Amino acid sequence: MPGFYADGEYDIAGFIVGVVEKSQVIDGRSVGAGDVLIGLESAGLHTNGYSLARRVLFDVAGYAVNTMLPDVGTSVGEALLAPHRSYLKAVRPLIAERLIKGMAHITGGGITENLPRTLPRGCSAAVNRKSWTVPPLFTLLQQRGAISTDEMYRAFNMGVGLILICAAADADHVIKRLEQSGERSILMGQVVAGDRDVRYT
């Protein structure tokens, strides 16, 4: 990560390895045109865009860690340290009911690069940018960093941490189940015929 580690420094990181039965793998093969995209809200940057965010906030804007961001409602430090959300509790029951055809965790590469990974050949995603309100932190980063909208959707999650794909006929039930588990969901678009890309409207 540029600007994070000094020369000669290194990081030790842990990770988790999971096992799933082959018959239970959600690989997007059953996704087809007409299926819907349901987004789950992020809590902030999550795991992507930190190098760019730090450059904009500290180098370009000249903020300090304790600088308050009135529109965001926190300090710079608090905004950058907001923990990554876990969606397991809300999503696991939907997986058990076989309601989910595909899932995209919106990390590095944003919606633009992560959503196509769960689409089979012949499919694209039509995402309606007006279907949710982008959190103030991302608006601030775009304005202070003079970042293009296309780059914002490639660098950050823009307030959507996970995207689920389900059949249109199951959408209301999925949204209701998510609400019951405490999740605010976003009906953000649909799968259309195409070549595994994201089309924003």
N, C-alpha and C. Protein backbone atom coordinates (compact mmCIF):
# COMPACT_ATOMS: atom_id res chain seq x y z
N MET A 1 0.84 -1.18 0.00
CA MET A 1 0.00 0.00 0.00
C MET A 1 0.88 1.24 0.00
N PRO A 2 0.89 1.97 -1.08
CA PRO A 2 1.77 3.15 -1.19
C PRO A 2 1.50 4.14 -0.07
N GLY A 3 2.58 4.63 0.52
CA GLY A 3 2.45 5.64 1.56
C GLY A 3 2.08 5.11 2.92
N PHE A 4 1.93 3.80 3.04
CA PHE A 4 1.50 3.23 4.32
C PHE A 4 2.66 2.58 5.05
N TYR A 5 3.46 1.81 4.32
CA TYR A 5 4.62 1.15 4.92
C TYR A 5 5.89 1.88 4.52
N ALA A 6 6.77 2.10 5.51
CA ALA A 6 8.07 2.69 5.22
C ALA A 6 8.99 1.62 4.65
N ASP A 7 10.06 2.04 4.00
CA ASP A 7 11.03 1.10 3.45
C ASP A 7 11.51 0.14 4.54
N GLY A 8 11.52 -1.14 4.23
CA GLY A 8 11.99 -2.13 5.18
C GLY A 8 10.93 -2.65 6.12
N GLU A 9 9.75 -2.06 6.10
CA GLU A 9 8.66 -2.53 6.96
C GLU A 9 7.81 -3.54 6.21
N TYR A 10 7.18 -4.42 6.97
CA TYR A 10 6.28 -5.39 6.36
C TYR A 10 5.10 -5.64 7.28
N ASP A 11 4.13 -6.32 6.77
CA ASP A 11 2.90 -6.57 7.51
C ASP A 11 2.68 -8.07 7.64
N ILE A 12 2.19 -8.50 8.78
CA ILE A 12 1.80 -9.89 8.96
C ILE A 12 0.28 -9.90 9.06
N ALA A 13 -0.36 -10.65 8.18
CA ALA A 13 -1.82 -10.67 8.14
C ALA A 13 -2.32 -12.10 8.26
N GLY A 14 -3.48 -12.26 8.86
CA GLY A 14 -4.11 -13.57 8.97
C GLY A 14 -5.27 -13.67 8.00
N PHE A 15 -5.71 -14.86 7.76
CA PHE A 15 -6.86 -15.06 6.88
C PHE A 15 -7.60 -16.31 7.29
N ILE A 16 -8.78 -16.46 6.77
CA ILE A 16 -9.65 -17.59 7.10
C ILE A 16 -9.87 -18.42 5.84
N VAL A 17 -9.79 -19.71 5.98
CA VAL A 17 -10.08 -20.62 4.87
C VAL A 17 -11.36 -21.37 5.22
N GLY A 18 -12.30 -21.36 4.29
CA GLY A 18 -13.55 -22.05 4.52
C GLY A 18 -13.74 -23.22 3.57
N VAL A 19 -14.66 -24.09 3.91
CA VAL A 19 -14.98 -25.25 3.07
C VAL A 19 -16.47 -25.24 2.80
N VAL A 20 -16.84 -25.51 1.56
CA VAL A 20 -18.26 -25.58 1.19
C VAL A 20 -18.46 -26.76 0.26
N GLU A 21 -19.56 -27.44 0.44
CA GLU A 21 -19.88 -28.55 -0.46
C GLU A 21 -20.04 -28.02 -1.88
N LYS A 22 -19.53 -28.76 -2.84
CA LYS A 22 -19.59 -28.32 -4.23
C LYS A 22 -21.02 -28.02 -4.67
N SER A 23 -21.95 -28.80 -4.18
CA SER A 23 -23.36 -28.60 -4.57
C SER A 23 -23.95 -27.31 -3.99
N GLN A 24 -23.26 -26.74 -2.99
CA GLN A 24 -23.76 -25.53 -2.33
C GLN A 24 -23.07 -24.26 -2.81
N VAL A 25 -22.09 -24.39 -3.69
CA VAL A 25 -21.34 -23.22 -4.16
C VAL A 25 -22.24 -22.29 -4.97
N ILE A 26 -22.17 -21.00 -4.65
CA ILE A 26 -22.92 -19.99 -5.42
C ILE A 26 -21.93 -19.37 -6.38
N ASP A 27 -21.99 -19.77 -7.64
CA ASP A 27 -20.99 -19.32 -8.62
C ASP A 27 -21.58 -18.47 -9.74
N GLY A 28 -22.85 -18.14 -9.65
CA GLY A 28 -23.48 -17.28 -10.65
C GLY A 28 -23.92 -17.99 -11.92
N ARG A 29 -23.73 -19.30 -11.99
CA ARG A 29 -24.08 -20.00 -13.24
C ARG A 29 -25.56 -19.90 -13.59
N SER A 30 -26.39 -19.81 -12.55
CA SER A 30 -27.84 -19.77 -12.81
C SER A 30 -28.37 -18.36 -13.03
N VAL A 31 -27.50 -17.35 -12.94
CA VAL A 31 -27.92 -15.96 -13.16
C VAL A 31 -28.33 -15.77 -14.61
N GLY A 32 -29.41 -15.04 -14.83
CA GLY A 32 -29.88 -14.78 -16.18
C GLY A 32 -30.56 -13.43 -16.30
N ALA A 33 -30.76 -12.99 -17.52
CA ALA A 33 -31.42 -11.71 -17.77
C ALA A 33 -32.78 -11.68 -17.07
N GLY A 34 -33.07 -10.57 -16.42
CA GLY A 34 -34.31 -10.43 -15.69
C GLY A 34 -34.15 -10.59 -14.19
N ASP A 35 -33.07 -11.23 -13.76
CA ASP A 35 -32.79 -11.32 -12.33
C ASP A 35 -32.51 -9.93 -11.79
N VAL A 36 -32.67 -9.76 -10.48
CA VAL A 36 -32.53 -8.43 -9.89
C VAL A 36 -31.31 -8.33 -8.99
N LEU A 37 -30.83 -7.11 -8.83
CA LEU A 37 -29.67 -6.81 -7.99
C LEU A 37 -30.15 -6.13 -6.72
N ILE A 38 -29.77 -6.70 -5.60
CA ILE A 38 -30.15 -6.14 -4.30
C ILE A 38 -28.88 -5.81 -3.54
N GLY A 39 -28.70 -4.53 -3.21
CA GLY A 39 -27.50 -4.09 -2.51
C GLY A 39 -27.72 -3.98 -1.02
N LEU A 40 -26.66 -4.27 -0.25
CA LEU A 40 -26.68 -4.10 1.20
C LEU A 40 -25.70 -2.98 1.54
N GLU A 41 -26.10 -2.11 2.44
CA GLU A 41 -25.33 -0.92 2.74
C GLU A 41 -23.98 -1.24 3.38
N SER A 42 -22.98 -0.44 3.01
CA SER A 42 -21.67 -0.54 3.65
C SER A 42 -21.65 0.40 4.85
N ALA A 43 -20.59 0.28 5.66
CA ALA A 43 -20.42 1.16 6.82
C ALA A 43 -19.38 2.23 6.55
N GLY A 44 -18.88 2.29 5.32
CA GLY A 44 -17.83 3.23 4.98
C GLY A 44 -16.95 2.66 3.89
N LEU A 45 -15.66 2.88 4.01
CA LEU A 45 -14.73 2.42 2.96
C LEU A 45 -14.61 0.91 2.91
N HIS A 46 -14.87 0.25 4.04
CA HIS A 46 -14.64 -1.20 4.15
C HIS A 46 -13.18 -1.52 3.82
N THR A 47 -12.88 -2.30 2.83
CA THR A 47 -11.49 -2.70 2.61
C THR A 47 -10.90 -2.13 1.33
N ASN A 48 -11.50 -1.11 0.77
CA ASN A 48 -11.00 -0.64 -0.52
C ASN A 48 -10.89 0.89 -0.60
N GLY A 49 -9.88 1.32 -1.35
CA GLY A 49 -9.72 2.74 -1.64
C GLY A 49 -8.97 3.54 -0.60
N TYR A 50 -8.31 2.87 0.33
CA TYR A 50 -7.66 3.62 1.42
C TYR A 50 -6.49 4.48 0.95
N SER A 51 -5.71 3.99 0.02
CA SER A 51 -4.58 4.81 -0.45
C SER A 51 -5.06 6.11 -1.07
N LEU A 52 -6.10 6.00 -1.90
CA LEU A 52 -6.66 7.19 -2.54
C LEU A 52 -7.33 8.09 -1.52
N ALA A 53 -8.10 7.50 -0.60
CA ALA A 53 -8.80 8.29 0.41
C ALA A 53 -7.82 9.04 1.30
N ARG A 54 -6.75 8.39 1.72
CA ARG A 54 -5.75 9.05 2.56
C ARG A 54 -5.07 10.19 1.81
N ARG A 55 -4.77 9.97 0.54
CA ARG A 55 -4.12 11.03 -0.25
C ARG A 55 -5.04 12.24 -0.36
N VAL A 56 -6.33 12.00 -0.63
CA VAL A 56 -7.27 13.10 -0.78
C VAL A 56 -7.46 13.84 0.55
N LEU A 57 -7.69 13.08 1.61
CA LEU A 57 -8.02 13.70 2.89
C LEU A 57 -6.82 14.40 3.54
N PHE A 58 -5.66 13.76 3.49
CA PHE A 58 -4.50 14.31 4.18
C PHE A 58 -3.63 15.19 3.27
N ASP A 59 -3.30 14.68 2.09
CA ASP A 59 -2.37 15.42 1.22
C ASP A 59 -3.05 16.54 0.45
N VAL A 60 -4.23 16.28 -0.09
CA VAL A 60 -4.92 17.29 -0.90
C VAL A 60 -5.73 18.25 -0.03
N ALA A 61 -6.59 17.69 0.82
CA ALA A 61 -7.46 18.55 1.64
C ALA A 61 -6.71 19.14 2.84
N GLY A 62 -5.64 18.50 3.27
CA GLY A 62 -4.88 19.01 4.40
C GLY A 62 -5.52 18.76 5.74
N TYR A 63 -6.40 17.78 5.82
CA TYR A 63 -7.06 17.47 7.09
C TYR A 63 -6.10 16.74 8.03
N ALA A 64 -6.42 16.81 9.32
CA ALA A 64 -5.72 16.02 10.33
C ALA A 64 -6.64 14.87 10.73
N VAL A 65 -6.10 13.93 11.47
CA VAL A 65 -6.89 12.77 11.90
C VAL A 65 -8.12 13.20 12.70
N ASN A 66 -7.97 14.26 13.51
CA ASN A 66 -9.09 14.69 14.36
C ASN A 66 -9.94 15.78 13.73
N THR A 67 -9.71 16.11 12.46
CA THR A 67 -10.56 17.09 11.78
C THR A 67 -11.98 16.56 11.67
N MET A 68 -12.93 17.36 12.12
CA MET A 68 -14.34 16.94 12.03
C MET A 68 -14.87 17.18 10.62
N LEU A 69 -15.65 16.24 10.16
CA LEU A 69 -16.30 16.33 8.85
C LEU A 69 -17.80 16.46 9.11
N PRO A 70 -18.32 17.69 9.14
CA PRO A 70 -19.71 17.91 9.52
C PRO A 70 -20.71 17.10 8.69
N ASP A 71 -20.52 17.03 7.38
CA ASP A 71 -21.47 16.30 6.54
C ASP A 71 -21.43 14.80 6.80
N VAL A 72 -20.26 14.30 7.22
CA VAL A 72 -20.11 12.88 7.51
C VAL A 72 -20.57 12.55 8.92
N GLY A 73 -20.38 13.52 9.83
CA GLY A 73 -20.80 13.33 11.21
C GLY A 73 -19.74 12.71 12.10
N THR A 74 -18.51 12.58 11.60
CA THR A 74 -17.42 12.01 12.38
C THR A 74 -16.14 12.77 12.06
N SER A 75 -15.08 12.41 12.76
CA SER A 75 -13.77 12.95 12.42
C SER A 75 -13.21 12.14 11.25
N VAL A 76 -12.13 12.65 10.66
CA VAL A 76 -11.46 11.92 9.58
C VAL A 76 -11.03 10.55 10.06
N GLY A 77 -10.41 10.50 11.24
CA GLY A 77 -9.94 9.23 11.78
C GLY A 77 -11.05 8.24 11.97
N GLU A 78 -12.17 8.69 12.53
CA GLU A 78 -13.31 7.80 12.76
C GLU A 78 -13.88 7.28 11.44
N ALA A 79 -13.92 8.15 10.44
CA ALA A 79 -14.43 7.74 9.13
C ALA A 79 -13.55 6.66 8.51
N LEU A 80 -12.23 6.84 8.65
CA LEU A 80 -11.31 5.87 8.05
C LEU A 80 -11.25 4.56 8.83
N LEU A 81 -11.58 4.60 10.11
CA LEU A 81 -11.49 3.40 10.94
C LEU A 81 -12.83 2.69 11.13
N ALA A 82 -13.87 3.13 10.43
CA ALA A 82 -15.17 2.45 10.53
C ALA A 82 -14.99 0.98 10.15
N PRO A 83 -15.42 0.06 11.00
CA PRO A 83 -15.17 -1.36 10.73
C PRO A 83 -15.98 -1.90 9.56
N HIS A 84 -15.41 -2.87 8.91
CA HIS A 84 -16.07 -3.57 7.80
C HIS A 84 -17.26 -4.34 8.36
N ARG A 85 -18.38 -4.26 7.70
CA ARG A 85 -19.58 -4.96 8.15
C ARG A 85 -19.55 -6.43 7.73
N SER A 86 -20.15 -7.28 8.55
CA SER A 86 -20.36 -8.68 8.20
C SER A 86 -21.82 -8.86 7.81
N TYR A 87 -22.05 -9.52 6.69
CA TYR A 87 -23.42 -9.73 6.20
C TYR A 87 -23.89 -11.17 6.42
N LEU A 88 -23.07 -11.97 7.08
CA LEU A 88 -23.36 -13.40 7.20
C LEU A 88 -24.70 -13.69 7.84
N LYS A 89 -25.00 -13.04 8.95
CA LYS A 89 -26.24 -13.32 9.68
C LYS A 89 -27.47 -13.10 8.79
N ALA A 90 -27.43 -12.06 7.97
CA ALA A 90 -28.58 -11.75 7.12
C ALA A 90 -28.65 -12.63 5.89
N VAL A 91 -27.49 -13.00 5.35
CA VAL A 91 -27.46 -13.70 4.07
C VAL A 91 -27.54 -15.22 4.20
N ARG A 92 -27.01 -15.75 5.29
CA ARG A 92 -26.98 -17.22 5.44
C ARG A 92 -28.35 -17.88 5.29
N PRO A 93 -29.42 -17.36 5.91
CA PRO A 93 -30.73 -18.00 5.73
C PRO A 93 -31.22 -17.97 4.27
N LEU A 94 -30.88 -16.91 3.55
CA LEU A 94 -31.28 -16.81 2.15
C LEU A 94 -30.54 -17.83 1.30
N ILE A 95 -29.30 -18.07 1.64
CA ILE A 95 -28.52 -19.09 0.94
C ILE A 95 -29.11 -20.47 1.22
N ALA A 96 -29.47 -20.70 2.48
CA ALA A 96 -30.05 -21.99 2.86
C ALA A 96 -31.35 -22.25 2.12
N GLU A 97 -32.11 -21.20 1.82
CA GLU A 97 -33.36 -21.34 1.08
C GLU A 97 -33.14 -21.38 -0.43
N ARG A 98 -31.87 -21.30 -0.85
CA ARG A 98 -31.50 -21.32 -2.26
C ARG A 98 -32.17 -20.17 -3.05
N LEU A 99 -32.22 -19.02 -2.41
CA LEU A 99 -32.82 -17.85 -3.05
C LEU A 99 -31.78 -16.98 -3.76
N ILE A 100 -30.50 -17.19 -3.44
CA ILE A 100 -29.44 -16.34 -3.97
C ILE A 100 -28.74 -17.03 -5.14
N LYS A 101 -28.72 -16.36 -6.28
CA LYS A 101 -28.06 -16.91 -7.47
C LYS A 101 -26.62 -16.46 -7.61
N GLY A 102 -26.32 -15.28 -7.11
CA GLY A 102 -24.98 -14.73 -7.20
C GLY A 102 -24.75 -13.69 -6.12
N MET A 103 -23.49 -13.50 -5.74
CA MET A 103 -23.14 -12.49 -4.73
C MET A 103 -21.84 -11.81 -5.15
N ALA A 104 -21.77 -10.52 -4.93
CA ALA A 104 -20.55 -9.77 -5.21
C ALA A 104 -20.19 -8.94 -3.99
N HIS A 105 -19.03 -9.24 -3.41
CA HIS A 105 -18.51 -8.47 -2.30
C HIS A 105 -17.78 -7.28 -2.90
N ILE A 106 -18.20 -6.06 -2.56
CA ILE A 106 -17.65 -4.88 -3.22
C ILE A 106 -16.42 -4.40 -2.48
N THR A 107 -15.26 -4.88 -2.94
CA THR A 107 -13.98 -4.53 -2.34
C THR A 107 -13.18 -3.74 -3.37
N GLY A 108 -11.87 -3.98 -3.44
CA GLY A 108 -11.04 -3.27 -4.41
C GLY A 108 -11.55 -3.48 -5.83
N GLY A 109 -11.72 -2.40 -6.56
CA GLY A 109 -12.31 -2.48 -7.89
C GLY A 109 -13.74 -1.98 -7.90
N GLY A 110 -14.31 -1.78 -6.70
CA GLY A 110 -15.65 -1.21 -6.59
C GLY A 110 -16.72 -2.07 -7.26
N ILE A 111 -17.86 -1.46 -7.49
CA ILE A 111 -18.96 -2.15 -8.15
C ILE A 111 -18.57 -2.51 -9.58
N THR A 112 -17.87 -1.62 -10.23
CA THR A 112 -17.53 -1.78 -11.64
C THR A 112 -16.77 -3.06 -11.93
N GLU A 113 -15.84 -3.44 -11.06
CA GLU A 113 -15.01 -4.61 -11.33
C GLU A 113 -15.43 -5.86 -10.57
N ASN A 114 -16.15 -5.70 -9.46
CA ASN A 114 -16.52 -6.87 -8.67
C ASN A 114 -17.82 -7.52 -9.11
N LEU A 115 -18.81 -6.73 -9.49
CA LEU A 115 -20.10 -7.30 -9.87
C LEU A 115 -20.01 -8.23 -11.09
N PRO A 116 -19.23 -7.90 -12.12
CA PRO A 116 -19.15 -8.80 -13.28
C PRO A 116 -18.61 -10.19 -12.96
N ARG A 117 -17.87 -10.33 -11.86
CA ARG A 117 -17.28 -11.62 -11.52
C ARG A 117 -18.33 -12.68 -11.19
N THR A 118 -19.52 -12.26 -10.85
CA THR A 118 -20.57 -13.23 -10.53
C THR A 118 -21.56 -13.40 -11.68
N LEU A 119 -21.26 -12.79 -12.83
CA LEU A 119 -22.14 -12.89 -13.98
C LEU A 119 -21.62 -13.93 -14.97
N PRO A 120 -22.49 -14.77 -15.51
CA PRO A 120 -22.06 -15.72 -16.53
C PRO A 120 -21.96 -15.03 -17.90
N ARG A 121 -21.39 -15.72 -18.85
CA ARG A 121 -21.31 -15.18 -20.20
C ARG A 121 -22.70 -14.84 -20.72
N GLY A 122 -22.79 -13.76 -21.48
CA GLY A 122 -24.06 -13.35 -22.05
C GLY A 122 -24.87 -12.44 -21.15
N CYS A 123 -24.32 -12.11 -19.97
CA CYS A 123 -25.06 -11.26 -19.03
C CYS A 123 -24.25 -10.03 -18.62
N SER A 124 -24.95 -8.93 -18.39
CA SER A 124 -24.37 -7.71 -17.85
C SER A 124 -25.27 -7.23 -16.72
N ALA A 125 -24.79 -6.25 -15.98
CA ALA A 125 -25.58 -5.69 -14.89
C ALA A 125 -25.95 -4.25 -15.22
N ALA A 126 -27.23 -3.95 -15.13
CA ALA A 126 -27.72 -2.58 -15.30
C ALA A 126 -27.97 -2.02 -13.91
N VAL A 127 -27.14 -1.05 -13.50
CA VAL A 127 -27.21 -0.50 -12.15
C VAL A 127 -27.74 0.93 -12.20
N ASN A 128 -28.79 1.18 -11.45
CA ASN A 128 -29.38 2.51 -11.38
C ASN A 128 -28.74 3.29 -10.24
N ARG A 129 -27.89 4.24 -10.59
CA ARG A 129 -27.18 5.02 -9.58
C ARG A 129 -28.12 5.85 -8.71
N LYS A 130 -29.32 6.10 -9.19
CA LYS A 130 -30.26 6.92 -8.43
C LYS A 130 -31.07 6.09 -7.43
N SER A 131 -30.82 4.79 -7.38
CA SER A 131 -31.61 3.93 -6.50
C SER A 131 -31.16 3.99 -5.04
N TRP A 132 -30.02 4.60 -4.78
CA TRP A 132 -29.58 4.78 -3.40
C TRP A 132 -28.84 6.11 -3.28
N THR A 133 -28.75 6.59 -2.04
CA THR A 133 -28.06 7.84 -1.76
C THR A 133 -26.62 7.52 -1.37
N VAL A 134 -25.67 8.02 -2.13
CA VAL A 134 -24.26 7.79 -1.84
C VAL A 134 -23.92 8.51 -0.53
N PRO A 135 -23.30 7.82 0.44
CA PRO A 135 -22.95 8.43 1.71
C PRO A 135 -22.04 9.65 1.55
N PRO A 136 -22.18 10.63 2.46
CA PRO A 136 -21.43 11.88 2.34
C PRO A 136 -19.92 11.72 2.25
N LEU A 137 -19.35 10.68 2.87
CA LEU A 137 -17.91 10.48 2.81
C LEU A 137 -17.42 10.36 1.38
N PHE A 138 -18.16 9.62 0.57
CA PHE A 138 -17.73 9.42 -0.82
C PHE A 138 -17.91 10.69 -1.64
N THR A 139 -18.97 11.44 -1.35
CA THR A 139 -19.18 12.71 -2.03
C THR A 139 -18.04 13.67 -1.71
N LEU A 140 -17.64 13.69 -0.44
CA LEU A 140 -16.53 14.54 -0.02
C LEU A 140 -15.24 14.15 -0.74
N LEU A 141 -14.95 12.86 -0.79
CA LEU A 141 -13.74 12.39 -1.46
C LEU A 141 -13.74 12.77 -2.93
N GLN A 142 -14.89 12.63 -3.58
CA GLN A 142 -14.96 12.98 -5.00
C GLN A 142 -14.74 14.46 -5.23
N GLN A 143 -15.36 15.28 -4.40
CA GLN A 143 -15.24 16.73 -4.57
C GLN A 143 -13.84 17.23 -4.25
N ARG A 144 -13.29 16.82 -3.12
CA ARG A 144 -11.97 17.31 -2.71
C ARG A 144 -10.85 16.73 -3.57
N GLY A 145 -11.06 15.52 -4.09
CA GLY A 145 -10.03 14.90 -4.91
C GLY A 145 -10.21 15.11 -6.40
N ALA A 146 -11.31 15.79 -6.79
CA ALA A 146 -11.62 16.00 -8.21
C ALA A 146 -11.56 14.67 -8.97
N ILE A 147 -12.26 13.67 -8.42
CA ILE A 147 -12.25 12.32 -8.98
C ILE A 147 -13.47 12.14 -9.87
N SER A 148 -13.29 11.56 -11.03
CA SER A 148 -14.41 11.34 -11.95
C SER A 148 -15.38 10.32 -11.35
N THR A 149 -16.62 10.41 -11.77
CA THR A 149 -17.63 9.48 -11.26
C THR A 149 -17.29 8.04 -11.62
N ASP A 150 -16.82 7.81 -12.84
CA ASP A 150 -16.45 6.45 -13.24
C ASP A 150 -15.36 5.89 -12.33
N GLU A 151 -14.38 6.72 -12.00
CA GLU A 151 -13.29 6.26 -11.14
C GLU A 151 -13.78 6.02 -9.71
N MET A 152 -14.72 6.83 -9.25
CA MET A 152 -15.27 6.62 -7.91
C MET A 152 -15.90 5.24 -7.80
N TYR A 153 -16.65 4.84 -8.82
CA TYR A 153 -17.33 3.54 -8.78
C TYR A 153 -16.37 2.38 -9.02
N ARG A 154 -15.15 2.70 -9.42
CA ARG A 154 -14.11 1.68 -9.60
C ARG A 154 -13.21 1.59 -8.37
N ALA A 155 -13.09 2.69 -7.65
CA ALA A 155 -12.18 2.72 -6.50
C ALA A 155 -12.87 2.43 -5.17
N PHE A 156 -14.16 2.80 -5.06
CA PHE A 156 -14.86 2.70 -3.78
C PHE A 156 -16.15 1.89 -3.92
N ASN A 157 -16.71 1.51 -2.75
CA ASN A 157 -17.98 0.76 -2.79
C ASN A 157 -19.19 1.68 -2.91
N MET A 158 -18.99 2.97 -2.70
CA MET A 158 -20.05 3.98 -2.88
C MET A 158 -21.28 3.74 -2.00
N GLY A 159 -21.06 3.07 -0.87
CA GLY A 159 -22.16 2.84 0.07
C GLY A 159 -22.83 1.49 -0.06
N VAL A 160 -22.34 0.65 -0.97
CA VAL A 160 -22.90 -0.70 -1.16
C VAL A 160 -21.80 -1.72 -0.90
N GLY A 161 -21.94 -2.49 0.17
CA GLY A 161 -20.90 -3.43 0.54
C GLY A 161 -21.04 -4.82 -0.04
N LEU A 162 -22.26 -5.21 -0.36
CA LEU A 162 -22.53 -6.55 -0.91
C LEU A 162 -23.71 -6.45 -1.85
N ILE A 163 -23.62 -7.13 -2.99
CA ILE A 163 -24.74 -7.17 -3.93
C ILE A 163 -25.19 -8.62 -4.10
N LEU A 164 -26.46 -8.85 -3.92
CA LEU A 164 -27.07 -10.16 -4.10
C LEU A 164 -27.84 -10.18 -5.41
N ILE A 165 -27.84 -11.32 -6.06
CA ILE A 165 -28.63 -11.50 -7.28
C ILE A 165 -29.65 -12.60 -7.03
N CYS A 166 -30.90 -12.30 -7.31
CA CYS A 166 -31.96 -13.30 -7.13
C CYS A 166 -32.97 -13.17 -8.26
N ALA A 167 -33.83 -14.15 -8.36
CA ALA A 167 -34.89 -14.10 -9.37
C ALA A 167 -35.84 -12.95 -9.04
N ALA A 168 -36.39 -12.32 -10.06
CA ALA A 168 -37.31 -11.20 -9.84
C ALA A 168 -38.50 -11.63 -8.99
N ALA A 169 -38.95 -12.86 -9.19
CA ALA A 169 -40.10 -13.36 -8.43
C ALA A 169 -39.80 -13.52 -6.95
N ASP A 170 -38.51 -13.63 -6.59
CA ASP A 170 -38.13 -13.80 -5.19
C ASP A 170 -37.71 -12.50 -4.52
N ALA A 171 -37.65 -11.42 -5.27
CA ALA A 171 -37.08 -10.18 -4.76
C ALA A 171 -37.81 -9.65 -3.53
N ASP A 172 -39.12 -9.60 -3.56
CA ASP A 172 -39.87 -9.07 -2.42
C ASP A 172 -39.61 -9.89 -1.17
N HIS A 173 -39.59 -11.21 -1.33
CA HIS A 173 -39.34 -12.09 -0.19
C HIS A 173 -37.94 -11.89 0.35
N VAL A 174 -36.95 -11.78 -0.54
CA VAL A 174 -35.56 -11.57 -0.11
C VAL A 174 -35.43 -10.25 0.64
N ILE A 175 -36.01 -9.20 0.10
CA ILE A 175 -35.94 -7.88 0.75
C ILE A 175 -36.62 -7.92 2.12
N LYS A 176 -37.75 -8.59 2.21
CA LYS A 176 -38.45 -8.70 3.49
C LYS A 176 -37.61 -9.45 4.51
N ARG A 177 -36.98 -10.54 4.09
CA ARG A 177 -36.14 -11.31 5.00
C ARG A 177 -34.93 -10.49 5.46
N LEU A 178 -34.37 -9.71 4.55
CA LEU A 178 -33.25 -8.86 4.91
C LEU A 178 -33.67 -7.82 5.94
N GLU A 179 -34.83 -7.22 5.74
CA GLU A 179 -35.34 -6.23 6.68
C GLU A 179 -35.57 -6.85 8.05
N GLN A 180 -36.08 -8.07 8.07
CA GLN A 180 -36.32 -8.75 9.34
C GLN A 180 -35.03 -9.02 10.10
N SER A 181 -33.93 -9.14 9.37
CA SER A 181 -32.64 -9.38 10.00
C SER A 181 -31.91 -8.07 10.33
N GLY A 182 -32.58 -6.94 10.05
CA GLY A 182 -32.00 -5.65 10.38
C GLY A 182 -31.22 -4.98 9.27
N GLU A 183 -31.28 -5.55 8.06
CA GLU A 183 -30.55 -4.98 6.93
C GLU A 183 -31.44 -4.03 6.13
N ARG A 184 -30.85 -2.90 5.74
CA ARG A 184 -31.52 -2.00 4.80
C ARG A 184 -31.02 -2.36 3.41
N SER A 185 -31.93 -2.81 2.57
CA SER A 185 -31.52 -3.26 1.24
C SER A 185 -31.91 -2.25 0.17
N ILE A 186 -31.25 -2.37 -0.97
CA ILE A 186 -31.44 -1.44 -2.08
C ILE A 186 -31.74 -2.25 -3.34
N LEU A 187 -32.89 -2.05 -3.93
CA LEU A 187 -33.19 -2.66 -5.23
C LEU A 187 -32.51 -1.78 -6.26
N MET A 188 -31.33 -2.21 -6.72
CA MET A 188 -30.45 -1.29 -7.44
C MET A 188 -30.30 -1.58 -8.93
N GLY A 189 -31.01 -2.55 -9.45
CA GLY A 189 -30.90 -2.80 -10.87
C GLY A 189 -31.26 -4.22 -11.23
N GLN A 190 -30.85 -4.62 -12.42
CA GLN A 190 -31.19 -5.96 -12.89
C GLN A 190 -30.12 -6.49 -13.83
N VAL A 191 -30.21 -7.77 -14.07
CA VAL A 191 -29.31 -8.42 -15.02
C VAL A 191 -29.92 -8.30 -16.41
N VAL A 192 -29.10 -7.95 -17.39
CA VAL A 192 -29.55 -7.80 -18.76
C VAL A 192 -28.60 -8.57 -19.67
N ALA A 193 -28.99 -8.73 -20.91
CA ALA A 193 -28.10 -9.37 -21.88
C ALA A 193 -26.88 -8.49 -22.11
N GLY A 194 -25.71 -9.10 -22.21
CA GLY A 194 -24.50 -8.32 -22.42
C GLY A 194 -23.25 -9.15 -22.31
N ASP A 195 -22.14 -8.49 -22.06
CA ASP A 195 -20.83 -9.14 -22.08
C ASP A 195 -20.10 -8.94 -20.74
N ARG A 196 -20.74 -9.28 -19.65
CA ARG A 196 -20.15 -9.28 -18.32
C ARG A 196 -19.54 -7.93 -17.93
N ASP A 197 -20.35 -6.88 -18.05
CA ASP A 197 -19.90 -5.57 -17.60
C ASP A 197 -21.00 -4.93 -16.79
N VAL A 198 -20.73 -3.72 -16.29
CA VAL A 198 -21.72 -2.97 -15.52
C VAL A 198 -22.10 -1.74 -16.32
N ARG A 199 -23.40 -1.56 -16.50
CA ARG A 199 -23.92 -0.40 -17.22
C ARG A 199 -24.67 0.47 -16.24
N TYR A 200 -24.18 1.68 -16.02
CA TYR A 200 -24.81 2.58 -15.07
C TYR A 200 -25.85 3.47 -15.76
N THR A 201 -26.96 3.65 -15.08
CA THR A 201 -28.01 4.53 -15.60
C THR A 201 -28.34 5.59 -14.55
